[in-house]
């Protein structure tokens, strides 16, 4: 999720000064990441299936390999976490520059309407969240490692 946000912010910043003539299909459109919550019932079903698997402590209690693959075949096909979708907006800003090659008959040049302050804020925020997630994973690894030493 954070990687997508960093990629989108980076693309928006890189293309903030890219012009295109009016009506061109090559015009860069500012992008944003829309997130949505995954299906709660799929997550609950997978969690309960895994809890049931953990309750079986002996190998003979485990289901046959065909039964295990059948339960995974009925599981959700996509990710269980939040879903990310990249959307483009048709917003442009116009600047007067009659000598620019992409200028229209009025001398106006069309640029993607990218707010650099907003993009930099999202870039830093996504980077900090990514680092926080890495720190949490590293702390969890240390806890597991130390518990195995006991």
Foldseek 3Di string as FASTA:
>chain_A
DLVVLLVLLVVCVVQQPPWAAPPDPPADFRKDKDKDFADPVLVVVVVVVVVVVVVDDDPVPDDDPVVVVVVVVPHDPDDNGMDIDMDGDPDWDWDAAQVDPRADPRRIIIGHPGDNVVSVVSNVVSVVVVVVVVVVVVVVVVVVVVVVVD
